[in-house]
Amino acid sequence: MDEKTKKGTQISRRGILPLLGSTLLLPLLGFGKTSTIDEIIVSDENEEYQTLLKPDGTAVRVKVSTVKNSKIIQKNISNESFLNWLGRKL
């Protein structure tokens, strides 16, 4: 009789699957959201953005304040040196 009670209290693999699935759905339902995320989004909406190109040719939105505070390594570079920096051939 002791063996039957031990088997009754153990959780089988089929019992774990619904628990695991429901815990993975919790973030999709929005229970983990906090008010600080809303404050961050509001502060980001007030800032201006500028579209720049990355070396691989994709466009990126960057804050204007970040561009103004950036360090200029070399001014007025030639087109050839820029293409070499990108890693492309003429």
PDB file of N, CA and C in Angstrom:
ATOM      1  N   MET A   1       0.804  -1.178   0.000  1.00  0.00           N
ATOM      2  CA  MET A   1       0.000   0.000   0.000  1.00  0.00           C
ATOM      3  C   MET A   1       0.863   1.264   0.000  1.00  0.00           C
ATOM      4  N   ASP A   2       2.034   1.184   0.613  1.00  0.00           N
ATOM      5  CA  ASP A   2       2.929   2.325   0.623  1.00  0.00           C
ATOM      6  C   ASP A   2       3.413   2.665  -0.786  1.00  0.00           C
ATOM      7  N   GLU A   3       3.584   1.633  -1.617  1.00  0.00           N
ATOM      8  CA  GLU A   3       4.053   1.861  -2.975  1.00  0.00           C
ATOM      9  C   GLU A   3       3.020   2.624  -3.797  1.00  0.00           C
ATOM     10  N   LYS A   4       1.739   2.377  -3.576  1.00  0.00           N
ATOM     11  CA  LYS A   4       0.691   3.057  -4.329  1.00  0.00           C
ATOM     12  C   LYS A   4       0.617   4.532  -3.951  1.00  0.00           C
ATOM     13  N   THR A   5       0.817   4.853  -2.685  1.00  0.00           N
ATOM     14  CA  THR A   5       0.763   6.252  -2.281  1.00  0.00           C
ATOM     15  C   THR A   5       1.959   7.024  -2.809  1.00  0.00           C
ATOM     16  N   LYS A   6       3.122   6.377  -2.902  1.00  0.00           N
ATOM     17  CA  LYS A   6       4.294   7.047  -3.456  1.00  0.00           C
ATOM     18  C   LYS A   6       4.097   7.350  -4.936  1.00  0.00           C
ATOM     19  N   LYS A   7       3.508   6.397  -5.657  1.00  0.00           N
ATOM     20  CA  LYS A   7       3.271   6.616  -7.078  1.00  0.00           C
ATOM     21  C   LYS A   7       2.212   7.687  -7.299  1.00  0.00           C
ATOM     22  N   GLY A   8       1.273   7.805  -6.396  1.00  0.00           N
ATOM     23  CA  GLY A   8       0.218   8.801  -6.538  1.00  0.00           C
ATOM     24  C   GLY A   8       0.731  10.216  -6.332  1.00  0.00           C
ATOM     25  N   THR A   9       1.761  10.399  -5.519  1.00  0.00           N
ATOM     26  CA  THR A   9       2.276  11.734  -5.248  1.00  0.00           C
ATOM     27  C   THR A   9       3.344  12.174  -6.239  1.00  0.00           C
ATOM     28  N   GLN A  10       3.901  11.246  -6.999  1.00  0.00           N
ATOM     29  CA  GLN A  10       4.924  11.617  -7.969  1.00  0.00           C
ATOM     30  C   GLN A  10       4.276  12.291  -9.174  1.00  0.00           C
ATOM     31  N   ILE A  11       4.971  13.251  -9.712  1.00  0.00           N
ATOM     32  CA  ILE A  11       4.488  13.946 -10.905  1.00  0.00           C
ATOM     33  C   ILE A  11       5.107  13.274 -12.123  1.00  0.00           C
ATOM     34  N   SER A  12       4.264  12.864 -13.031  1.00  0.00           N
ATOM     35  CA  SER A  12       4.755  12.188 -14.227  1.00  0.00           C
ATOM     36  C   SER A  12       5.175  13.220 -15.274  1.00  0.00           C
ATOM     37  N   ARG A  13       5.759  12.744 -16.357  1.00  0.00           N
ATOM     38  CA  ARG A  13       6.165  13.628 -17.445  1.00  0.00           C
ATOM     39  C   ARG A  13       4.959  14.309 -18.070  1.00  0.00           C
ATOM     40  N   ARG A  14       3.874  13.580 -18.170  1.00  0.00           N
ATOM     41  CA  ARG A  14       2.666  14.166 -18.743  1.00  0.00           C
ATOM     42  C   ARG A  14       2.074  15.230 -17.824  1.00  0.00           C
ATOM     43  N   GLY A  15       2.340  15.148 -16.547  1.00  0.00           N
ATOM     44  CA  GLY A  15       1.869  16.161 -15.614  1.00  0.00           C
ATOM     45  C   GLY A  15       2.724  17.414 -15.652  1.00  0.00           C
ATOM     46  N   ILE A  16       3.986  17.255 -16.005  1.00  0.00           N
ATOM     47  CA  ILE A  16       4.901  18.397 -16.059  1.00  0.00           C
ATOM     48  C   ILE A  16       4.675  19.224 -17.322  1.00  0.00           C
ATOM     49  N   LEU A  17       4.324  18.580 -18.423  1.00  0.00           N
ATOM     50  CA  LEU A  17       4.162  19.282 -19.693  1.00  0.00           C
ATOM     51  C   LEU A  17       3.155  20.432 -19.637  1.00  0.00           C
ATOM     52  N   PRO A  18       1.960  20.262 -19.086  1.00  0.00           N
ATOM     53  CA  PRO A  18       1.040  21.408 -19.015  1.00  0.00           C
ATOM     54  C   PRO A  18       1.562  22.529 -18.126  1.00  0.00           C
ATOM     55  N   LEU A  19       2.251  22.168 -17.044  1.00  0.00           N
ATOM     56  CA  LEU A  19       2.830  23.196 -16.175  1.00  0.00           C
ATOM     57  C   LEU A  19       3.906  23.986 -16.907  1.00  0.00           C
ATOM     58  N   LEU A  20       4.753  23.287 -17.620  1.00  0.00           N
ATOM     59  CA  LEU A  20       5.816  23.939 -18.368  1.00  0.00           C
ATOM     60  C   LEU A  20       5.244  24.821 -19.473  1.00  0.00           C
ATOM     61  N   GLY A  21       4.258  24.327 -20.171  1.00  0.00           N
ATOM     62  CA  GLY A  21       3.636  25.099 -21.238  1.00  0.00           C
ATOM     63  C   GLY A  21       2.951  26.351 -20.729  1.00  0.00           C
ATOM     64  N   SER A  22       2.283  26.247 -19.598  1.00  0.00           N
ATOM     65  CA  SER A  22       1.594  27.417 -19.051  1.00  0.00           C
ATOM     66  C   SER A  22       2.584  28.458 -18.547  1.00  0.00           C
ATOM     67  N   THR A  23       3.720  28.043 -18.015  1.00  0.00           N
ATOM     68  CA  THR A  23       4.710  29.021 -17.565  1.00  0.00           C
ATOM     69  C   THR A  23       5.365  29.727 -18.740  1.00  0.00           C
ATOM     70  N   LEU A  24       5.474  29.051 -19.876  1.00  0.00           N
ATOM     71  CA  LEU A  24       6.041  29.702 -21.053  1.00  0.00           C
ATOM     72  C   LEU A  24       5.071  30.693 -21.685  1.00  0.00           C
ATOM     73  N   LEU A  25       3.782  30.546 -21.421  1.00  0.00           N
ATOM     74  CA  LEU A  25       2.788  31.466 -21.967  1.00  0.00           C
ATOM     75  C   LEU A  25       2.614  32.730 -21.130  1.00  0.00           C
ATOM     76  N   LEU A  26       3.066  32.732 -19.892  1.00  0.00           N
ATOM     77  CA  LEU A  26       2.883  33.890 -19.018  1.00  0.00           C
ATOM     78  C   LEU A  26       3.480  35.181 -19.586  1.00  0.00           C
ATOM     79  N   PRO A  27       4.694  35.187 -20.139  1.00  0.00           N
ATOM     80  CA  PRO A  27       5.212  36.441 -20.694  1.00  0.00           C
ATOM     81  C   PRO A  27       4.384  36.957 -21.871  1.00  0.00           C
ATOM     82  N   LEU A  28       3.772  36.063 -22.623  1.00  0.00           N
ATOM     83  CA  LEU A  28       2.957  36.492 -23.753  1.00  0.00           C
ATOM     84  C   LEU A  28       1.663  37.154 -23.302  1.00  0.00           C
ATOM     85  N   LEU A  29       1.192  36.809 -22.126  1.00  0.00           N
ATOM     86  CA  LEU A  29      -0.039  37.395 -21.617  1.00  0.00           C
ATOM     87  C   LEU A  29       0.193  38.767 -20.998  1.00  0.00           C
ATOM     88  N   GLY A  30       1.437  39.129 -20.689  1.00  0.00           N
ATOM     89  CA  GLY A  30       1.743  40.462 -20.204  1.00  0.00           C
ATOM     90  C   GLY A  30       1.735  40.615 -18.705  1.00  0.00           C
ATOM     91  N   PHE A  31       1.882  39.532 -17.962  1.00  0.00           N
ATOM     92  CA  PHE A  31       1.896  39.645 -16.510  1.00  0.00           C
ATOM     93  C   PHE A  31       3.213  40.205 -15.987  1.00  0.00           C
ATOM     94  N   GLY A  32       4.268  40.177 -16.775  1.00  0.00           N
ATOM     95  CA  GLY A  32       5.569  40.620 -16.310  1.00  0.00           C
ATOM     96  C   GLY A  32       5.859  42.082 -16.580  1.00  0.00           C
ATOM     97  N   LYS A  33       4.912  42.824 -17.121  1.00  0.00           N
ATOM     98  CA  LYS A  33       5.157  44.227 -17.462  1.00  0.00           C
ATOM     99  C   LYS A  33       5.128  45.090 -16.209  1.00  0.00           C
ATOM    100  N   THR A  34       5.988  46.111 -16.208  1.00  0.00           N
ATOM    101  CA  THR A  34       6.025  47.044 -15.093  1.00  0.00           C
ATOM    102  C   THR A  34       5.835  48.454 -15.618  1.00  0.00           C
ATOM    103  N   SER A  35       5.612  49.386 -14.723  1.00  0.00           N
ATOM    104  CA  SER A  35       5.389  50.771 -15.128  1.00  0.00           C
ATOM    105  C   SER A  35       6.688  51.456 -15.538  1.00  0.00           C
ATOM    106  N   THR A  36       7.853  50.946 -15.116  1.00  0.00           N
ATOM    107  CA  THR A  36       9.115  51.578 -15.483  1.00  0.00           C
ATOM    108  C   THR A  36       9.377  51.456 -16.975  1.00  0.00           C
ATOM    109  N   ILE A  37       8.884  50.397 -17.598  1.00  0.00           N
ATOM    110  CA  ILE A  37       9.053  50.247 -19.041  1.00  0.00           C
ATOM    111  C   ILE A  37       8.295  51.355 -19.759  1.00  0.00           C
ATOM    112  N   ASP A  38       7.109  51.707 -19.269  1.00  0.00           N
ATOM    113  CA  ASP A  38       6.335  52.783 -19.872  1.00  0.00           C
ATOM    114  C   ASP A  38       7.069  54.114 -19.756  1.00  0.00           C
ATOM    115  N   GLU A  39       7.738  54.350 -18.642  1.00  0.00           N
ATOM    116  CA  GLU A  39       8.485  55.586 -18.465  1.00  0.00           C
ATOM    117  C   GLU A  39       9.658  55.662 -19.428  1.00  0.00           C
ATOM    118  N   ILE A  40      10.325  54.545 -19.660  1.00  0.00           N
ATOM    119  CA  ILE A  40      11.453  54.515 -20.586  1.00  0.00           C
ATOM    120  C   ILE A  40      10.971  54.787 -22.002  1.00  0.00           C
ATOM    121  N   ILE A  41       9.852  54.206 -22.381  1.00  0.00           N
ATOM    122  CA  ILE A  41       9.313  54.413 -23.723  1.00  0.00           C
ATOM    123  C   ILE A  41       8.923  55.870 -23.918  1.00  0.00           C
ATOM    124  N   VAL A  42       8.335  56.498 -22.909  1.00  0.00           N
ATOM    125  CA  VAL A  42       7.936  57.895 -23.017  1.00  0.00           C
ATOM    126  C   VAL A  42       9.160  58.781 -23.172  1.00  0.00           C
ATOM    127  N   SER A  43      10.226  58.514 -22.432  1.00  0.00           N
ATOM    128  CA  SER A  43      11.421  59.345 -22.541  1.00  0.00           C
ATOM    129  C   SER A  43      12.101  59.152 -23.891  1.00  0.00           C
ATOM    130  N   ASP A  44      12.020  57.947 -24.483  1.00  0.00           N
ATOM    131  CA  ASP A  44      12.613  57.710 -25.788  1.00  0.00           C
ATOM    132  C   ASP A  44      11.826  58.379 -26.903  1.00  0.00           C
ATOM    133  N   GLU A  45      10.533  58.549 -26.735  1.00  0.00           N
ATOM    134  CA  GLU A  45       9.721  59.168 -27.773  1.00  0.00           C
ATOM    135  C   GLU A  45      10.049  60.645 -27.938  1.00  0.00           C
ATOM    136  N   ASN A  46      10.540  61.299 -26.900  1.00  0.00           N
ATOM    137  CA  ASN A  46      10.829  62.724 -26.957  1.00  0.00           C
ATOM    138  C   ASN A  46      12.135  63.027 -27.677  1.00  0.00           C
ATOM    139  N   GLU A  47      13.003  62.064 -27.839  1.00  0.00           N
ATOM    140  CA  GLU A  47      14.302  62.304 -28.450  1.00  0.00           C
ATOM    141  C   GLU A  47      14.231  62.159 -29.961  1.00  0.00           C
ATOM    142  N   GLU A  48      15.091  62.911 -30.653  1.00  0.00           N
ATOM    143  CA  GLU A  48      15.144  62.853 -32.109  1.00  0.00           C
ATOM    144  C   GLU A  48      16.112  61.759 -32.537  1.00  0.00           C
ATOM    145  N   TYR A  49      15.815  61.150 -33.675  1.00  0.00           N
ATOM    146  CA  TYR A  49      16.647  60.083 -34.212  1.00  0.00           C
ATOM    147  C   TYR A  49      17.141  60.462 -35.599  1.00  0.00           C
ATOM    148  N   GLN A  50      18.269  59.879 -35.972  1.00  0.00           N
ATOM    149  CA  GLN A  50      18.856  60.084 -37.289  1.00  0.00           C
ATOM    150  C   GLN A  50      19.168  58.707 -37.865  1.00  0.00           C
ATOM    151  N   THR A  51      18.932  58.532 -39.159  1.00  0.00           N
ATOM    152  CA  THR A  51      19.181  57.253 -39.805  1.00  0.00           C
ATOM    153  C   THR A  51      20.589  57.249 -40.377  1.00  0.00           C
ATOM    154  N   LEU A  52      21.393  56.249 -39.993  1.00  0.00           N
ATOM    155  CA  LEU A  52      22.773  56.114 -40.455  1.00  0.00           C
ATOM    156  C   LEU A  52      22.969  54.728 -41.049  1.00  0.00           C
ATOM    157  N   LEU A  53      24.081  54.556 -41.777  1.00  0.00           N
ATOM    158  CA  LEU A  53      24.409  53.266 -42.374  1.00  0.00           C
ATOM    159  C   LEU A  53      25.489  52.563 -41.579  1.00  0.00           C
ATOM    160  N   LYS A  54      25.333  51.259 -41.376  1.00  0.00           N
ATOM    161  CA  LYS A  54      26.364  50.433 -40.764  1.00  0.00           C
ATOM    162  C   LYS A  54      27.302  49.945 -41.859  1.00  0.00           C
ATOM    163  N   PRO A  55      28.482  49.412 -41.497  1.00  0.00           N
ATOM    164  CA  PRO A  55      29.426  48.932 -42.519  1.00  0.00           C
ATOM    165  C   PRO A  55      28.860  47.856 -43.438  1.00  0.00           C
ATOM    166  N   ASP A  56      27.900  47.073 -42.965  1.00  0.00           N
ATOM    167  CA  ASP A  56      27.339  46.034 -43.832  1.00  0.00           C
ATOM    168  C   ASP A  56      26.245  46.566 -44.748  1.00  0.00           C
ATOM    169  N   GLY A  57      25.924  47.857 -44.656  1.00  0.00           N
ATOM    170  CA  GLY A  57      24.972  48.480 -45.564  1.00  0.00           C
ATOM    171  C   GLY A  57      23.556  48.575 -45.041  1.00  0.00           C
ATOM    172  N   THR A  58      23.305  48.154 -43.814  1.00  0.00           N
ATOM    173  CA  THR A  58      21.962  48.236 -43.256  1.00  0.00           C
ATOM    174  C   THR A  58      21.767  49.576 -42.562  1.00  0.00           C
ATOM    175  N   ALA A  59      20.535  50.054 -42.554  1.00  0.00           N
ATOM    176  CA  ALA A  59      20.211  51.336 -41.934  1.00  0.00           C
ATOM    177  C   ALA A  59      19.931  51.140 -40.448  1.00  0.00           C
ATOM    178  N   VAL A  60      20.359  52.131 -39.648  1.00  0.00           N
ATOM    179  CA  VAL A  60      20.190  52.076 -38.192  1.00  0.00           C
ATOM    180  C   VAL A  60      19.681  53.428 -37.718  1.00  0.00           C
ATOM    181  N   ARG A  61      18.714  53.413 -36.790  1.00  0.00           N
ATOM    182  CA  ARG A  61      18.245  54.656 -36.177  1.00  0.00           C
ATOM    183  C   ARG A  61      19.077  54.925 -34.928  1.00  0.00           C
ATOM    184  N   VAL A  62      19.675  56.116 -34.869  1.00  0.00           N
ATOM    185  CA  VAL A  62      20.554  56.481 -33.758  1.00  0.00           C
ATOM    186  C   VAL A  62      20.070  57.812 -33.193  1.00  0.00           C
ATOM    187  N   LYS A  63      20.174  57.967 -31.878  1.00  0.00           N
ATOM    188  CA  LYS A  63      19.798  59.230 -31.248  1.00  0.00           C
ATOM    189  C   LYS A  63      20.745  60.334 -31.704  1.00  0.00           C
ATOM    190  N   VAL A  64      20.198  61.525 -31.913  1.00  0.00           N
ATOM    191  CA  VAL A  64      21.001  62.660 -32.360  1.00  0.00           C
ATOM    192  C   VAL A  64      22.012  63.043 -31.286  1.00  0.00           C
ATOM    193  N   SER A  65      21.646  62.920 -30.018  1.00  0.00           N
ATOM    194  CA  SER A  65      22.568  63.261 -28.934  1.00  0.00           C
ATOM    195  C   SER A  65      23.781  62.339 -28.940  1.00  0.00           C
ATOM    196  N   THR A  66      23.601  61.077 -29.318  1.00  0.00           N
ATOM    197  CA  THR A  66      24.716  60.141 -29.396  1.00  0.00           C
ATOM    198  C   THR A  66      25.659  60.522 -30.524  1.00  0.00           C
ATOM    199  N   VAL A  67      25.101  60.959 -31.641  1.00  0.00           N
ATOM    200  CA  VAL A  67      25.930  61.368 -32.779  1.00  0.00           C
ATOM    201  C   VAL A  67      26.729  62.615 -32.424  1.00  0.00           C
ATOM    202  N   LYS A  68      26.108  63.560 -31.711  1.00  0.00           N
ATOM    203  CA  LYS A  68      26.807  64.793 -31.332  1.00  0.00           C
ATOM    204  C   LYS A  68      27.929  64.521 -30.334  1.00  0.00           C
ATOM    205  N   ASN A  69      27.755  63.546 -29.455  1.00  0.00           N
ATOM    206  CA  ASN A  69      28.756  63.235 -28.435  1.00  0.00           C
ATOM    207  C   ASN A  69      29.810  62.248 -28.915  1.00  0.00           C
ATOM    208  N   SER A  70      29.719  61.791 -30.159  1.00  0.00           N
ATOM    209  CA  SER A  70      30.658  60.790 -30.657  1.00  0.00           C
ATOM    210  C   SER A  70      32.015  61.413 -30.971  1.00  0.00           C
ATOM    211  N   LYS A  71      33.025  60.570 -30.999  1.00  0.00           N
ATOM    212  CA  LYS A  71      34.390  61.008 -31.258  1.00  0.00           C
ATOM    213  C   LYS A  71      34.691  60.845 -32.751  1.00  0.00           C
ATOM    214  N   ILE A  72      35.176  61.908 -33.393  1.00  0.00           N
ATOM    215  CA  ILE A  72      35.523  61.866 -34.811  1.00  0.00           C
ATOM    216  C   ILE A  72      36.967  61.404 -34.928  1.00  0.00           C
ATOM    217  N   ILE A  73      37.172  60.304 -35.618  1.00  0.00           N
ATOM    218  CA  ILE A  73      38.514  59.752 -35.764  1.00  0.00           C
ATOM    219  C   ILE A  73      39.266  60.451 -36.886  1.00  0.00           C
ATOM    220  N   GLN A  74      38.615  60.605 -38.025  1.00  0.00           N
ATOM    221  CA  GLN A  74      39.268  61.245 -39.164  1.00  0.00           C
ATOM    222  C   GLN A  74      38.213  61.995 -39.961  1.00  0.00           C
ATOM    223  N   LYS A  75      38.487  63.285 -40.247  1.00  0.00           N
ATOM    224  CA  LYS A  75      37.549  64.093 -41.019  1.00  0.00           C
ATOM    225  C   LYS A  75      37.898  64.031 -42.495  1.00  0.00           C
ATOM    226  N   ASN A  76      36.878  64.239 -43.312  1.00  0.00           N
ATOM    227  CA  ASN A  76      37.030  64.358 -44.763  1.00  0.00           C
ATOM    228  C   ASN A  76      37.822  63.202 -45.363  1.00  0.00           C
ATOM    229  N   ILE A  77      37.352  61.998 -45.182  1.00  0.00           N
ATOM    230  CA  ILE A  77      38.031  60.845 -45.768  1.00  0.00           C
ATOM    231  C   ILE A  77      37.606  60.701 -47.226  1.00  0.00           C
ATOM    232  N   SER A  78      38.457  60.081 -48.014  1.00  0.00           N
ATOM    233  CA  SER A  78      38.147  59.892 -49.430  1.00  0.00           C
ATOM    234  C   SER A  78      37.167  58.735 -49.597  1.00  0.00           C
ATOM    235  N   ASN A  79      36.586  58.679 -50.780  1.00  0.00           N
ATOM    236  CA  ASN A  79      35.627  57.621 -51.074  1.00  0.00           C
ATOM    237  C   ASN A  79      36.311  56.258 -51.057  1.00  0.00           C
ATOM    238  N   GLU A  80      37.546  56.194 -51.558  1.00  0.00           N
ATOM    239  CA  GLU A  80      38.280  54.925 -51.598  1.00  0.00           C
ATOM    240  C   GLU A  80      38.556  54.398 -50.193  1.00  0.00           C
ATOM    241  N   SER A  81      38.989  55.283 -49.301  1.00  0.00           N
ATOM    242  CA  SER A  81      39.280  54.828 -47.941  1.00  0.00           C
ATOM    243  C   SER A  81      37.993  54.431 -47.209  1.00  0.00           C
ATOM    244  N   PHE A  82      36.891  55.106 -47.531  1.00  0.00           N
ATOM    245  CA  PHE A  82      35.613  54.738 -46.930  1.00  0.00           C
ATOM    246  C   PHE A  82      35.182  53.352 -47.396  1.00  0.00           C
ATOM    247  N   LEU A  83      35.348  53.072 -48.680  1.00  0.00           N
ATOM    248  CA  LEU A  83      34.993  51.755 -49.202  1.00  0.00           C
ATOM    249  C   LEU A  83      35.917  50.679 -48.641  1.00  0.00           C
ATOM    250  N   ASN A  84      37.193  51.013 -48.420  1.00  0.00           N
ATOM    251  CA  ASN A  84      38.107  50.056 -47.788  1.00  0.00           C
ATOM    252  C   ASN A  84      37.672  49.761 -46.357  1.00  0.00           C
ATOM    253  N   TRP A  85      37.211  50.784 -45.652  1.00  0.00           N
ATOM    254  CA  TRP A  85      36.726  50.590 -44.291  1.00  0.00           C
ATOM    255  C   TRP A  85      35.496  49.691 -44.290  1.00  0.00           C
ATOM    256  N   LEU A  86      34.650  49.867 -45.309  1.00  0.00           N
ATOM    257  CA  LEU A  86      33.472  49.015 -45.425  1.00  0.00           C
ATOM    258  C   LEU A  86      33.835  47.598 -45.827  1.00  0.00           C
ATOM    259  N   GLY A  87      35.007  47.431 -46.436  1.00  0.00           N
ATOM    260  CA  GLY A  87      35.437  46.107 -46.863  1.00  0.00           C
ATOM    261  C   GLY A  87      34.932  45.745 -48.245  1.00  0.00           C
ATOM    262  N   ARG A  88      34.639  46.745 -49.057  1.00  0.00           N
ATOM    263  CA  ARG A  88      34.132  46.494 -50.404  1.00  0.00           C
ATOM    264  C   ARG A  88      35.178  46.895 -51.432  1.00  0.00           C
ATOM    265  N   LYS A  89      35.125  46.224 -52.555  1.00  0.00           N
ATOM    266  CA  LYS A  89      36.067  46.523 -53.629  1.00  0.00           C
ATOM    267  C   LYS A  89      35.445  47.505 -54.599  1.00  0.00           C
ATOM    268  N   LEU A  90      36.301  48.315 -55.230  1.00  0.00           N
ATOM    269  CA  LEU A  90      35.817  49.277 -56.228  1.00  0.00           C
ATOM    270  C   LEU A  90      35.434  48.606 -57.511  1.00  0.00           C
TER     271      LEU A  90
END
